[in-house]
Protein backbone atom coordinates (compact mmCIF):
# COMPACT_ATOMS: atom_id res chain seq x y z
CA MET A 1 -23.35 70.79 -67.21
CA SER A 2 -20.58 68.28 -67.80
CA SER A 3 -21.47 64.70 -68.60
CA ILE A 4 -19.98 61.39 -67.58
CA THR A 5 -17.83 59.97 -70.37
CA ALA A 6 -17.88 56.22 -70.49
CA PRO A 7 -14.62 54.44 -71.35
CA PRO A 8 -14.41 52.48 -74.63
CA SER A 9 -15.31 48.82 -74.89
CA VAL A 10 -12.98 46.41 -73.18
CA ARG A 11 -12.58 42.66 -73.14
CA PRO A 12 -13.94 40.78 -70.11
CA THR A 13 -11.43 40.65 -67.30
CA LEU A 14 -11.37 40.41 -63.55
CA SER A 15 -11.91 43.90 -62.15
CA THR A 16 -13.28 45.89 -59.28
CA SER A 17 -16.55 46.56 -61.11
CA PRO A 18 -19.67 46.38 -58.95
CA ASP A 19 -21.69 43.19 -58.74
CA PRO A 20 -24.72 43.67 -61.06
CA HIS A 21 -26.86 41.73 -58.59
CA HIS A 22 -25.74 43.80 -55.62
CA SER A 23 -28.41 46.04 -54.12
CA LEU A 24 -28.00 49.77 -54.52
CA ILE A 25 -27.08 51.61 -51.34
CA ALA A 26 -28.87 54.81 -50.41
CA ILE A 27 -27.51 56.69 -47.40
CA ASN A 28 -29.99 58.36 -45.08
CA VAL A 29 -28.38 61.80 -44.81
CA THR A 30 -30.44 62.96 -41.85
CA ALA A 31 -29.71 59.88 -39.74
CA GLN A 32 -26.24 58.87 -40.92
CA ALA A 33 -24.62 62.14 -42.00
CA PRO A 34 -26.32 64.80 -39.86
CA LEU A 35 -23.37 67.21 -39.93
CA LYS A 36 -23.80 69.55 -42.89
CA LEU A 37 -20.75 71.03 -44.59
CA THR A 38 -20.12 74.72 -43.93
CA ALA A 39 -17.24 76.98 -44.89
CA THR A 40 -15.40 76.12 -41.66
CA ASN A 41 -16.00 72.44 -40.77
CA TYR A 42 -14.64 70.56 -43.79
CA VAL A 43 -12.32 68.38 -41.68
CA THR A 44 -15.04 66.96 -39.46
CA TRP A 45 -17.53 66.74 -42.33
CA ARG A 46 -15.08 64.72 -44.44
CA ALA A 47 -14.30 62.41 -41.52
CA GLN A 48 -18.03 61.75 -41.15
CA PHE A 49 -18.36 60.85 -44.83
CA ASN A 50 -15.18 58.78 -45.03
CA SER A 51 -16.37 56.48 -42.26
CA LEU A 52 -19.68 55.92 -44.05
CA LEU A 53 -18.10 55.34 -47.44
CA ILE A 54 -15.54 52.91 -46.07
CA GLY A 55 -18.22 51.10 -44.08
CA TYR A 56 -20.38 50.63 -47.17
CA ASP A 57 -17.38 49.91 -49.43
CA LEU A 58 -18.24 52.92 -51.64
CA LEU A 59 -15.09 55.00 -51.27
CA GLY A 60 -13.98 54.13 -54.81
CA TYR A 61 -16.79 56.21 -56.31
CA VAL A 62 -15.58 59.26 -54.40
CA ASP A 63 -11.80 59.00 -54.66
CA GLY A 64 -11.80 57.88 -58.31
CA THR A 65 -10.40 54.40 -57.76
CA LEU A 66 -13.64 52.94 -59.15
CA PRO A 67 -14.13 55.04 -62.31
CA CYS A 68 -17.09 54.95 -64.65
CA LEU A 69 -17.36 51.59 -66.40
CA PRO A 70 -17.56 51.14 -70.20
CA THR A 71 -21.02 51.07 -71.75
CA THR A 72 -20.24 47.92 -73.73
CA ILE A 73 -17.93 44.95 -73.46
CA LEU A 74 -16.84 42.24 -75.89
CA GLY A 75 -18.66 38.99 -75.33
CA SER A 76 -16.57 35.90 -74.67
CA ASP A 77 -18.11 34.08 -77.63
CA SER A 78 -18.48 37.01 -80.00
CA ALA A 79 -16.41 39.80 -81.46
CA SER A 80 -19.40 42.13 -81.36
CA PRO A 81 -19.81 44.45 -78.38
CA ILE A 82 -22.64 43.77 -75.99
CA PRO A 83 -24.15 46.08 -73.33
CA ASN A 84 -22.17 46.11 -70.11
CA PRO A 85 -24.59 45.11 -67.31
CA ASP A 86 -22.35 46.81 -64.73
CA PHE A 87 -22.51 50.23 -66.41
CA ALA A 88 -26.11 51.04 -65.45
CA LEU A 89 -25.52 49.88 -61.88
CA TRP A 90 -22.44 52.07 -61.58
CA ILE A 91 -24.33 55.13 -62.84
CA ARG A 92 -27.25 54.57 -60.49
CA GLN A 93 -25.06 54.05 -57.43
CA ASP A 94 -22.91 57.06 -58.29
CA GLN A 95 -25.95 59.31 -58.65
CA LEU A 96 -27.34 58.12 -55.31
CA LEU A 97 -24.03 59.09 -53.69
CA LEU A 98 -24.00 62.44 -55.48
CA ASN A 99 -27.49 63.10 -54.15
CA THR A 100 -26.25 62.24 -50.66
CA ILE A 101 -23.38 64.72 -50.90
CA ILE A 102 -25.63 67.49 -52.21
CA GLY A 103 -28.01 66.85 -49.32
CA SER A 104 -25.22 67.06 -46.76
CA VAL A 105 -23.88 70.51 -47.61
CA SER A 106 -25.32 73.80 -46.43
CA PRO A 107 -27.78 75.38 -48.90
CA ASN A 108 -25.44 78.27 -49.67
CA LEU A 109 -22.72 75.80 -50.76
CA VAL A 110 -24.90 73.68 -53.07
CA PRO A 111 -24.23 75.91 -56.14
CA TYR A 112 -20.55 74.92 -55.99
CA ILE A 113 -21.38 71.30 -56.82
CA ALA A 114 -24.77 71.64 -58.53
CA SER A 115 -23.21 71.16 -61.98
CA SER A 116 -21.13 68.12 -60.97
CA SER A 117 -22.11 65.06 -62.97
CA SER A 118 -20.47 62.50 -60.71
CA THR A 119 -19.66 61.92 -57.07
CA HIS A 120 -15.94 62.14 -57.78
CA ALA A 121 -16.31 65.51 -59.53
CA ALA A 122 -18.32 66.95 -56.64
CA TRP A 123 -15.85 65.61 -54.10
CA LEU A 124 -12.89 67.15 -55.93
CA THR A 125 -14.65 70.52 -56.11
CA LEU A 126 -15.27 70.55 -52.37
CA GLU A 127 -11.74 69.38 -51.66
CA LYS A 128 -10.16 72.09 -53.82
CA THR A 129 -12.43 74.75 -52.33
CA TYR A 130 -12.13 73.93 -48.64
CA ALA A 131 -9.06 71.73 -48.17
CA SER A 132 -6.55 73.71 -50.23
CA PRO A 133 -4.12 75.75 -48.14
CA SER A 134 -5.15 79.37 -47.83
CA CYS A 135 -2.82 81.95 -46.31
CA GLY A 136 -5.78 83.89 -44.99
CA ARG A 137 -7.37 80.82 -43.43
CA ILE A 138 -4.07 79.67 -41.90
CA MET A 139 -3.52 83.10 -40.37
CA GLU A 140 -7.06 83.13 -39.00
CA LEU A 141 -6.68 79.73 -37.33
CA CYS A 142 -3.23 80.53 -35.95
CA GLY A 143 -4.64 83.78 -34.58
CA ARG A 144 -7.42 81.90 -32.81
CA LEU A 145 -4.90 79.53 -31.23
CA ALA A 146 -2.73 82.47 -30.15
CA ASN A 147 -5.60 84.17 -28.33
CA LEU A 148 -7.44 81.39 -26.55
CA SER A 149 -9.99 82.19 -23.88
CA GLN A 150 -12.36 79.77 -22.21
CA GLY A 151 -14.82 82.48 -21.22
CA THR A 152 -18.11 80.89 -20.22
CA GLN A 153 -17.49 77.68 -22.18
CA THR A 154 -17.33 74.27 -20.59
CA ILE A 155 -14.01 72.45 -20.82
CA THR A 156 -15.49 70.15 -23.47
CA ALA A 157 -16.60 73.04 -25.69
CA TYR A 158 -13.31 74.89 -25.14
CA MET A 159 -11.15 71.92 -26.06
CA GLN A 160 -13.34 70.85 -28.97
CA ASP A 161 -12.92 74.28 -30.56
CA ILE A 162 -9.16 74.00 -30.14
CA LYS A 163 -9.14 70.49 -31.65
CA THR A 164 -11.06 71.80 -34.66
CA TYR A 165 -8.43 74.50 -35.23
CA ILE A 166 -5.59 71.96 -34.90
CA ASP A 167 -7.20 69.51 -37.33
CA SER A 168 -7.98 72.24 -39.86
CA LEU A 169 -4.36 73.40 -39.83
CA ALA A 170 -3.13 69.81 -40.15
CA LEU A 171 -5.28 69.38 -43.24
CA MET A 172 -3.41 72.35 -44.73
CA ASN A 173 -0.04 70.78 -43.80
CA LYS A 174 0.45 73.27 -40.97
CA LEU A 175 1.36 71.27 -37.87
CA VAL A 176 1.00 72.79 -34.42
CA ASP A 177 3.64 72.53 -31.68
CA PHE A 178 1.48 71.23 -28.85
CA ASP A 179 4.08 71.91 -26.14
CA ASP A 180 3.74 75.60 -26.94
CA LEU A 181 -0.01 75.38 -27.48
CA SER A 182 -0.62 73.68 -24.13
CA ILE A 183 0.70 76.80 -22.38
CA ARG A 184 -1.74 78.94 -24.34
CA ILE A 185 -4.56 76.56 -23.47
CA LEU A 186 -3.75 76.87 -19.77
CA ASN A 187 -3.39 80.64 -20.01
CA GLY A 188 -6.84 80.84 -21.55
CA LEU A 189 -8.57 78.97 -18.71
CA ASP A 190 -11.00 80.52 -16.28
CA PRO A 191 -9.26 81.75 -13.07
CA ALA A 192 -10.98 78.93 -11.17
CA TYR A 193 -8.42 76.57 -12.75
CA SER A 194 -5.40 78.47 -11.37
CA LYS A 195 -4.44 75.68 -8.96
CA LEU A 196 -4.36 73.11 -11.77
CA TYR A 197 -2.55 75.62 -13.97
CA HIS A 198 0.36 75.91 -11.50
CA THR A 199 0.45 72.14 -10.98
CA LEU A 200 0.79 71.44 -14.69
CA GLN A 201 3.31 74.23 -15.23
CA VAL A 202 5.90 72.49 -13.04
CA ARG A 203 5.56 69.07 -14.69
CA ASN A 204 8.75 67.61 -16.12
CA THR A 205 6.99 65.63 -18.83
CA PRO A 206 4.71 67.36 -21.35
CA LEU A 207 1.12 66.27 -21.88
CA ASP A 208 -0.46 65.46 -25.20
CA PHE A 209 -3.90 66.81 -26.14
CA ASP A 210 -5.90 63.87 -24.81
CA GLU A 211 -4.04 63.79 -21.49
CA LEU A 212 -4.52 67.51 -20.95
CA PHE A 213 -8.19 67.24 -21.92
CA GLU A 214 -8.70 64.45 -19.37
CA LYS A 215 -7.05 66.42 -16.55
CA LEU A 216 -9.11 69.50 -17.33
CA LEU A 217 -12.32 67.46 -17.36
CA ASN A 218 -11.48 65.88 -14.01
CA TYR A 219 -10.71 69.26 -12.47
CA GLU A 220 -13.93 70.70 -13.88
CA ALA A 221 -15.84 67.87 -12.20
CA GLN A 222 -14.10 68.64 -8.88
CA LEU A 223 -15.02 72.30 -9.16
CA GLU A 224 -18.64 71.39 -9.75
CA LEU A 225 -18.65 69.21 -6.63
CA MET A 226 -17.14 72.00 -4.53
CA THR A 227 -19.59 74.59 -5.79
CA PRO A 228 -22.50 74.84 -3.35
CA SER A 229 -25.92 74.30 -4.83
CA PRO A 230 -28.15 77.37 -4.92
CA ALA A 231 -30.24 77.59 -1.75
CA ALA A 232 -33.79 76.42 -2.27
CA PRO A 233 -36.24 79.34 -2.07
CA ALA A 234 -38.03 79.64 1.24
CA THR A 235 -41.41 78.02 1.03
CA ALA A 236 -44.29 79.09 3.17
CA PHE A 237 -46.06 76.10 4.58
CA THR A 238 -48.55 75.24 7.28
CA ALA A 239 -47.92 72.33 9.61
CA SER A 240 -50.67 69.84 9.23
CA THR A 241 -51.96 67.93 12.23
CA GLY A 242 -54.46 65.92 10.31
CA SER A 243 -57.41 67.80 11.81
CA GLN A 244 -59.24 71.05 11.32
CA PRO A 245 -58.13 74.06 13.40
CA THR A 246 -59.77 74.13 16.84
CA ARG A 247 -62.67 76.50 17.21
CA TYR A 248 -63.05 78.31 20.49
CA GLN A 249 -66.58 78.94 21.55
């Protein structure tokens, strides 16, 4: 297992070192980062973490812009090195973040970062493993976009899957021509959307993803309103007159 190497002693200077009196921040993985990393959702998982790290001003630990601090510094009134009070705080905060990352990946992926000694090292490992362009992965995603089919999915589920494919390809520097993709999206719709399909096909101005998503959602809502509710099952009942049946004597 690799260890964190502290930089050599340095003279006091203004820096981005953490405030030694600042409270340590522990992220509640279950509540604040519920989406666990899998082999296919790196884009959305990273977006989830970035928002948390930026919000807590902890991104520097992850991206390397706030590296490990030196163990000692030179005192202002002495040439002898003294312990750096910020070093221990940095280590503790970094390990809390590392624990958070380990807790937010699927169990089968934990071995990839189990030997990482710092948050930055674990982050780089995940980035190299899941964000690096892969010919096989690019072909898989392009194939999915080429053969779209709504099937029994709702419009929301259908479009969210497509957005995931687009974002994953963008992460690998493979941009998608949405004008072409929008035709495939329409072709993959359930036949119930045929009227909307023909309406959008004759438009002079193309739609972006959000605009198309909105129109599909609105049409889905119209279809639901036009679909008759299932008839309530016949219920046997007896008319009540508020009195017992008459007895004939």
